[in-house]
Amino acid sequence: MNSENQEQPTAAAPHGAEIRRGPLRPGERVQLTDEKGRRNTITLTEGGAFHTHRGYLQHDTVIGLPEGSVVTNTAGHQYQILRPLLSDFVLSMPRGAAVVYPKDAAQIVTMADIYPGARVVEAGVGSGALSISLLRAVGDHGSLHSYERREEFAQIARGNVETFFGGPHPAWDITLGDFQDEVVKTQEPGSVDRVVLDMLAPWECTDAVATVLAPGGVWISYVATVTQLSRTAEAIRADGRFTEPDGWESMVRGWHLEGLAVRPDHRMVAHTGFLLTARRLAEGATGLVAKRRASKTNFSEEDLNAWTPAAVGEREVSAHKLRRAAKDASSTVQRGALENAEKFQQETDTP
């Protein structure tokens, strides 16, 4: 039989892709932009309404429209209706911990070379912002194993990830506990392609990372202060099983565009955190020592205390706020997007 005449199997769409196409459905989060560029993100519900001091907009007016439609509320004000981009979703989703900003998530995915099918571990999961970017990068056939010390944060992250993808992602697992203790129990030595750490003291994880990371694998850390950056870099150098670490930060400045009035915005997303990368050497190989080394590499007591949560500006999140964020992230309205989408699609497909 001619192979050209054989019916080729249809590849399944990547997880979550189906809810980002087609008409707007109940259960979806959509972004409303008014004439002045102000944005609001809402979850569409049958019979629901979006209220402001300038009238209200019935959700039923929006449900069933194609993305990119313009609608008018009861007071005559217009809104553009679009599905939020990943960067929009991250900045508007429920949170318990500070999120990794889109500019840093993009740098992590690119500079750590997170590729489809990669085996990645991360700690901590926070509110799930970075987890979403990593899951999109590894795809359905990769794996992301997240480690989080606080159960409340894990609940918030799980709700946000399932909201974004329309349900549990097949490549994702979460383990509660300290990364350096749990990762060596759940991952085989040399089996991990990439390690992503967003934590206060990544230097405490040097041995665990070296154990699970495959030769040539990338370790990338996200830290807030210069002291954390320096101490992590020196710990990597002292370990000897990694390449020379590289550190950097990124800043994003928008531009005002109106006729000939083209100028930088007065505001910008400046320092959010530092990124540091190193790669695992082959077993038995010793990292090359830089020809020029700093005259001082020992840390004083003052240096060691500079990275505590209070010193880096982290505020303790109240238990009430965490419970509320977890409830918002895992609400049936948000997490029911895929189920409602399928129901709505069946109804619209019925002649």
Protein backbone atom coordinates (compact mmCIF):
# COMPACT_ATOMS: atom_id res chain seq x y z
CA MET A 1 0.00 0.00 0.00
CA ASN A 2 1.25 3.46 -0.86
CA SER A 3 2.22 5.17 2.35
CA GLU A 4 1.03 8.49 0.91
CA ASN A 5 -2.56 7.18 0.85
CA GLN A 6 -2.52 6.08 4.47
CA GLU A 7 -4.41 8.31 6.84
CA GLN A 8 -1.94 10.05 9.12
CA PRO A 9 -2.82 10.23 12.83
CA THR A 10 -3.65 13.68 14.12
CA ALA A 11 -1.30 14.88 16.80
CA ALA A 12 -2.98 15.97 20.02
CA ALA A 13 -2.85 19.69 20.71
CA PRO A 14 -0.48 20.72 23.52
CA HIS A 15 -2.22 20.82 26.88
CA GLY A 16 -4.16 24.04 27.36
CA ALA A 17 -4.05 25.10 23.71
CA GLU A 18 -7.70 24.28 23.10
CA ILE A 19 -8.93 26.85 25.64
CA ARG A 20 -6.95 29.65 23.99
CA ARG A 21 -8.73 29.36 20.65
CA GLY A 22 -12.27 29.91 19.38
CA PRO A 23 -15.14 31.93 20.85
CA LEU A 24 -15.05 33.20 24.42
CA ARG A 25 -16.58 30.66 26.81
CA PRO A 26 -17.99 30.55 30.34
CA GLY A 27 -15.25 29.93 32.91
CA GLU A 28 -12.56 31.73 30.91
CA ARG A 29 -10.57 34.69 32.21
CA VAL A 30 -10.72 37.65 29.84
CA GLN A 31 -9.11 41.07 29.85
CA LEU A 32 -11.25 44.19 29.44
CA THR A 33 -9.48 47.34 28.19
CA ASP A 34 -11.38 50.65 28.20
CA GLU A 35 -10.87 53.79 26.08
CA LYS A 36 -8.18 55.09 28.45
CA GLY A 37 -6.19 51.84 28.34
CA ARG A 38 -7.21 50.72 31.83
CA ARG A 39 -7.35 46.94 32.15
CA ASN A 40 -9.46 44.62 34.25
CA THR A 41 -9.32 40.81 34.27
CA ILE A 42 -12.56 38.93 34.97
CA THR A 43 -13.81 35.34 34.84
CA LEU A 44 -16.82 34.93 32.55
CA THR A 45 -19.89 33.40 34.16
CA GLU A 46 -23.36 32.95 32.74
CA GLY A 47 -25.61 35.66 34.20
CA GLY A 48 -22.62 37.54 35.68
CA ALA A 49 -21.83 41.23 35.31
CA PHE A 50 -18.76 43.50 35.52
CA HIS A 51 -19.65 46.61 37.54
CA THR A 52 -17.85 49.97 37.73
CA HIS A 53 -18.91 53.50 38.63
CA ARG A 54 -19.38 53.95 34.87
CA GLY A 55 -22.09 51.35 34.37
CA TYR A 56 -21.92 47.58 34.06
CA LEU A 57 -21.25 44.98 31.38
CA GLN A 58 -23.25 41.74 31.20
CA HIS A 59 -21.02 38.65 30.84
CA ASP A 60 -23.63 37.12 28.52
CA THR A 61 -22.87 39.96 26.08
CA VAL A 62 -19.27 38.72 25.88
CA ILE A 63 -19.78 34.93 25.96
CA GLY A 64 -19.77 33.50 22.44
CA LEU A 65 -17.99 36.46 20.81
CA PRO A 66 -14.70 36.04 18.97
CA GLU A 67 -11.61 37.23 20.79
CA GLY A 68 -10.76 40.83 19.95
CA SER A 69 -14.37 42.04 19.95
CA VAL A 70 -15.38 45.51 21.17
CA VAL A 71 -18.48 45.71 23.39
CA THR A 72 -20.44 48.54 25.02
CA ASN A 73 -21.66 48.61 28.62
CA THR A 74 -24.95 50.02 29.92
CA ALA A 75 -23.54 53.57 30.11
CA GLY A 76 -22.18 53.55 26.56
CA HIS A 77 -18.51 52.96 27.44
CA GLN A 78 -16.59 50.54 25.22
CA TYR A 79 -14.22 47.70 26.08
CA GLN A 80 -11.85 45.59 24.01
CA ILE A 81 -12.17 41.91 24.95
CA LEU A 82 -9.06 39.72 24.74
CA ARG A 83 -7.77 36.63 26.46
CA PRO A 84 -4.92 37.69 28.79
CA LEU A 85 -1.41 36.89 27.63
CA LEU A 86 0.82 34.91 29.96
CA SER A 87 2.42 38.15 31.19
CA ASP A 88 -1.02 39.64 31.88
CA PHE A 89 -2.23 36.51 33.67
CA VAL A 90 0.82 36.37 35.95
CA LEU A 91 0.39 39.97 37.09
CA SER A 92 -3.34 39.59 37.78
CA MET A 93 -3.58 36.10 39.28
CA PRO A 94 -4.13 35.41 43.03
CA ARG A 95 -0.85 35.33 44.91
CA GLY A 96 0.54 34.53 48.31
CA ALA A 97 4.21 35.13 47.55
CA ALA A 98 5.77 37.67 45.20
CA VAL A 99 5.79 36.40 41.63
CA VAL A 100 8.75 36.08 39.29
CA TYR A 101 8.19 38.91 36.82
CA PRO A 102 7.66 38.02 33.14
CA LYS A 103 10.97 39.63 32.17
CA ASP A 104 12.85 37.32 34.54
CA ALA A 105 10.81 34.23 33.64
CA ALA A 106 11.64 34.84 29.98
CA GLN A 107 15.34 35.15 30.81
CA ILE A 108 15.23 31.94 32.86
CA VAL A 109 13.58 29.95 30.06
CA THR A 110 16.08 31.23 27.47
CA MET A 111 19.34 31.47 29.40
CA ALA A 112 18.80 28.10 31.12
CA ASP A 113 17.88 26.60 27.73
CA ILE A 114 14.60 25.06 28.92
CA TYR A 115 13.54 22.96 25.92
CA PRO A 116 10.55 20.70 25.03
CA GLY A 117 10.98 17.34 26.73
CA ALA A 118 13.48 18.61 29.31
CA ARG A 119 13.50 17.21 32.84
CA VAL A 120 13.42 20.23 35.15
CA VAL A 121 13.22 20.70 38.92
CA GLU A 122 12.43 23.98 40.67
CA ALA A 123 12.23 25.39 44.20
CA GLY A 124 10.28 27.21 45.57
CA VAL A 125 7.05 27.32 43.68
CA GLY A 126 5.68 30.53 45.22
CA SER A 127 2.43 31.50 43.46
CA GLY A 128 3.16 29.41 40.36
CA ALA A 129 4.14 32.19 37.94
CA LEU A 130 7.49 30.68 36.98
CA SER A 131 6.01 27.16 36.99
CA ILE A 132 3.61 28.17 34.20
CA SER A 133 6.49 29.43 32.03
CA LEU A 134 8.53 26.30 32.70
CA LEU A 135 5.59 24.02 31.87
CA ARG A 136 4.99 25.82 28.59
CA ALA A 137 8.68 25.36 27.77
CA VAL A 138 9.02 21.64 28.64
CA GLY A 139 5.67 20.75 27.04
CA ASP A 140 3.46 17.72 27.66
CA HIS A 141 6.31 15.24 27.18
CA GLY A 142 8.82 16.91 29.47
CA SER A 143 8.66 17.03 33.25
CA LEU A 144 8.67 19.73 35.88
CA HIS A 145 8.99 18.69 39.52
CA SER A 146 8.46 21.58 41.93
CA TYR A 147 9.49 21.62 45.59
CA GLU A 148 7.81 23.97 48.07
CA ARG A 149 8.19 24.23 51.84
CA ARG A 150 4.80 25.83 52.52
CA GLU A 151 1.58 23.98 51.77
CA GLU A 152 -0.37 27.24 51.37
CA PHE A 153 1.91 28.38 48.57
CA ALA A 154 1.62 24.99 46.87
CA GLN A 155 -2.20 25.27 46.95
CA ILE A 156 -2.12 28.76 45.44
CA ALA A 157 0.33 27.68 42.74
CA ARG A 158 -1.72 24.59 41.89
CA GLY A 159 -4.87 26.69 41.49
CA ASN A 160 -3.13 29.25 39.26
CA VAL A 161 -1.49 26.61 37.07
CA GLU A 162 -4.75 24.69 36.61
CA THR A 163 -6.61 27.92 35.85
CA PHE A 164 -4.12 28.87 33.16
CA PHE A 165 -4.00 25.44 31.51
CA GLY A 166 -7.65 24.55 32.08
CA GLY A 167 -6.85 21.63 34.38
CA PRO A 168 -3.90 19.65 35.86
CA HIS A 169 -0.83 19.69 33.61
CA PRO A 170 0.44 16.19 32.69
CA ALA A 171 4.10 17.18 33.12
CA TRP A 172 3.85 18.69 36.62
CA ASP A 173 4.40 17.32 40.11
CA ILE A 174 4.73 19.13 43.46
CA THR A 175 6.52 17.83 46.54
CA LEU A 176 6.27 19.52 49.95
CA GLY A 177 9.52 19.88 51.87
CA ASP A 178 13.04 21.31 51.70
CA PHE A 179 14.55 21.04 48.24
CA GLN A 180 17.95 19.77 49.35
CA ASP A 181 16.34 16.96 51.34
CA GLU A 182 13.56 15.92 48.97
CA VAL A 183 15.17 16.21 45.54
CA VAL A 184 17.73 13.48 46.23
CA LYS A 185 14.87 11.17 47.31
CA THR A 186 12.70 11.77 44.24
CA GLN A 187 15.31 12.16 41.47
CA GLU A 188 17.96 9.68 40.34
CA PRO A 189 21.58 10.90 40.39
CA GLY A 190 22.48 12.65 37.14
CA SER A 191 18.91 12.43 35.79
CA VAL A 192 17.89 16.12 35.77
CA ASP A 193 18.56 18.42 32.80
CA ARG A 194 17.89 21.79 34.47
CA VAL A 195 17.64 23.09 38.06
CA VAL A 196 15.83 26.38 38.77
CA LEU A 197 16.03 27.79 42.29
CA ASP A 198 14.04 30.78 43.59
CA MET A 199 14.93 30.76 47.28
CA LEU A 200 16.72 32.72 49.98
CA ALA A 201 19.77 30.47 50.37
CA PRO A 202 20.57 28.55 47.16
CA TRP A 203 24.16 27.97 48.33
CA GLU A 204 22.79 25.43 50.82
CA CYS A 205 21.69 23.27 47.87
CA THR A 206 25.06 22.95 46.11
CA ASP A 207 25.58 19.27 46.92
CA ALA A 208 21.98 18.30 46.12
CA VAL A 209 22.14 20.09 42.75
CA ALA A 210 25.47 18.46 41.91
CA THR A 211 23.99 15.04 42.75
CA VAL A 212 20.88 15.16 40.56
CA LEU A 213 22.07 17.39 37.69
CA ALA A 214 23.32 15.63 34.56
CA PRO A 215 26.76 16.52 33.11
CA GLY A 216 26.30 19.66 31.02
CA GLY A 217 23.03 20.48 32.81
CA VAL A 218 22.26 24.06 33.78
CA TRP A 219 21.69 25.40 37.29
CA ILE A 220 20.03 28.84 37.39
CA SER A 221 19.25 30.75 40.59
CA TYR A 222 17.07 33.80 41.14
CA VAL A 223 18.11 35.94 44.12
CA ALA A 224 17.14 39.40 45.33
CA THR A 225 20.30 40.91 46.81
CA VAL A 226 23.96 41.40 45.96
CA THR A 227 24.96 39.48 49.09
CA GLN A 228 22.94 36.44 48.02
CA LEU A 229 24.41 36.66 44.52
CA SER A 230 27.97 36.82 45.84
CA ARG A 231 27.57 34.02 48.37
CA THR A 232 25.94 31.69 45.83
CA ALA A 233 28.69 32.34 43.28
CA GLU A 234 31.44 31.67 45.82
CA ALA A 235 29.73 28.46 46.97
CA ILE A 236 29.58 27.22 43.37
CA ARG A 237 33.26 28.02 42.86
CA ALA A 238 34.27 26.34 46.10
CA ASP A 239 32.33 23.18 45.22
CA GLY A 240 34.44 22.58 42.11
CA ARG A 241 31.85 20.50 40.21
CA PHE A 242 30.49 23.38 38.14
CA THR A 243 31.68 25.81 35.51
CA GLU A 244 32.48 29.42 36.41
CA PRO A 245 29.17 31.10 37.38
CA ASP A 246 27.69 33.99 35.39
CA GLY A 247 25.45 36.62 36.97
CA TRP A 248 23.30 39.42 35.51
CA GLU A 249 20.05 41.34 35.82
CA SER A 250 17.62 42.73 33.25
CA MET A 251 15.64 45.98 33.18
CA VAL A 252 12.68 46.74 30.94
CA ARG A 253 11.71 50.27 29.94
CA GLY A 254 8.62 50.96 27.87
CA TRP A 255 8.20 53.86 25.45
CA HIS A 256 5.41 56.42 25.08
CA LEU A 257 4.17 56.41 21.47
CA GLU A 258 1.81 59.19 20.43
CA GLY A 259 2.37 60.97 17.12
CA LEU A 260 5.75 62.67 17.25
CA ALA A 261 5.77 62.52 21.06
CA VAL A 262 7.98 59.43 21.25
CA ARG A 263 9.92 59.19 24.50
CA PRO A 264 10.82 56.71 27.25
CA ASP A 265 8.11 56.06 29.83
CA HIS A 266 8.61 57.71 33.19
CA ARG A 267 8.23 54.32 34.86
CA MET A 268 10.14 51.12 34.22
CA VAL A 269 10.49 47.61 35.60
CA ALA A 270 13.99 47.96 36.97
CA HIS A 271 15.64 45.69 39.54
CA THR A 272 13.55 42.69 40.52
CA GLY A 273 16.28 40.12 41.07
CA PHE A 274 19.62 38.74 39.93
CA LEU A 275 20.06 35.60 37.85
CA LEU A 276 23.08 33.34 38.16
CA THR A 277 23.91 30.30 36.01
CA ALA A 278 26.47 27.51 36.12
CA ARG A 279 26.75 24.14 34.37
CA ARG A 280 27.52 20.72 35.80
CA LEU A 281 30.88 19.25 34.89
CA ALA A 282 31.47 15.58 34.14
CA GLU A 283 31.96 13.33 37.16
CA GLY A 284 35.56 13.57 38.33
CA ALA A 285 36.31 16.78 36.40
CA THR A 286 37.44 19.84 38.33
CA GLY A 287 36.27 23.31 37.38
CA LEU A 288 38.84 25.72 36.00
CA VAL A 289 39.83 28.39 38.51
CA ALA A 290 39.68 31.98 37.31
CA LYS A 291 43.13 33.52 36.93
CA ARG A 292 42.05 36.60 38.82
CA ARG A 293 40.28 36.04 42.11
CA ALA A 294 38.81 38.52 44.55
CA SER A 295 41.04 39.49 47.45
CA LYS A 296 38.21 38.86 49.91
CA THR A 297 35.88 35.87 49.65
CA ASN A 298 35.11 35.27 53.32
CA PHE A 299 31.80 36.59 54.67
CA SER A 300 31.51 38.52 57.91
CA GLU A 301 28.67 38.01 60.38
CA GLU A 302 27.08 41.20 59.02
CA ASP A 303 27.26 39.78 55.49
CA LEU A 304 25.64 36.51 56.55
CA ASN A 305 22.74 38.32 58.20
CA ALA A 306 22.10 40.54 55.18
CA TRP A 307 20.07 37.90 53.29
CA THR A 308 17.47 37.21 55.99
CA PRO A 309 13.80 37.68 54.95
CA ALA A 310 13.52 40.96 56.86
CA ALA A 311 16.80 42.29 55.45
CA VAL A 312 15.80 41.67 51.82
CA GLY A 313 12.44 43.37 52.34
CA GLU A 314 10.23 40.29 52.47
CA ARG A 315 7.10 40.83 54.52
CA GLU A 316 5.48 37.98 56.38
CA VAL A 317 2.30 36.99 54.58
CA SER A 318 -0.63 36.62 56.96
CA ALA A 319 -2.40 33.28 57.25
CA HIS A 320 -5.68 34.99 56.32
CA LYS A 321 -4.23 36.36 53.09
CA LEU A 322 -2.79 32.97 52.17
CA ARG A 323 -6.11 31.22 52.77
CA ARG A 324 -7.93 33.83 50.69
CA ALA A 325 -5.42 33.59 47.83
CA ALA A 326 -5.60 29.80 47.85
CA LYS A 327 -9.41 29.97 47.75
CA ASP A 328 -9.34 32.43 44.85
CA ALA A 329 -6.76 30.40 42.92
CA SER A 330 -8.67 27.14 43.28
CA SER A 331 -12.22 28.46 42.90
CA THR A 332 -14.54 26.36 40.77
CA VAL A 333 -15.20 29.32 38.50
CA GLN A 334 -11.55 29.61 37.53
CA ARG A 335 -10.66 25.93 37.55
CA GLY A 336 -13.80 25.01 35.58
CA ALA A 337 -12.58 26.71 32.41
CA LEU A 338 -11.84 23.50 30.48
CA GLU A 339 -15.03 21.72 31.57
CA ASN A 340 -17.18 24.73 30.69
CA ALA A 341 -15.31 25.20 27.43
CA GLU A 342 -16.07 21.64 26.34
CA LYS A 343 -19.73 22.00 27.35
CA PHE A 344 -20.04 25.28 25.47
CA GLN A 345 -18.30 23.81 22.40
CA GLN A 346 -20.72 20.86 22.36
CA GLU A 347 -23.69 23.20 22.57
CA THR A 348 -22.44 25.43 19.75
CA ASP A 349 -21.60 22.44 17.55
CA THR A 350 -25.13 20.98 17.93
CA PRO A 351 -27.21 21.84 14.82
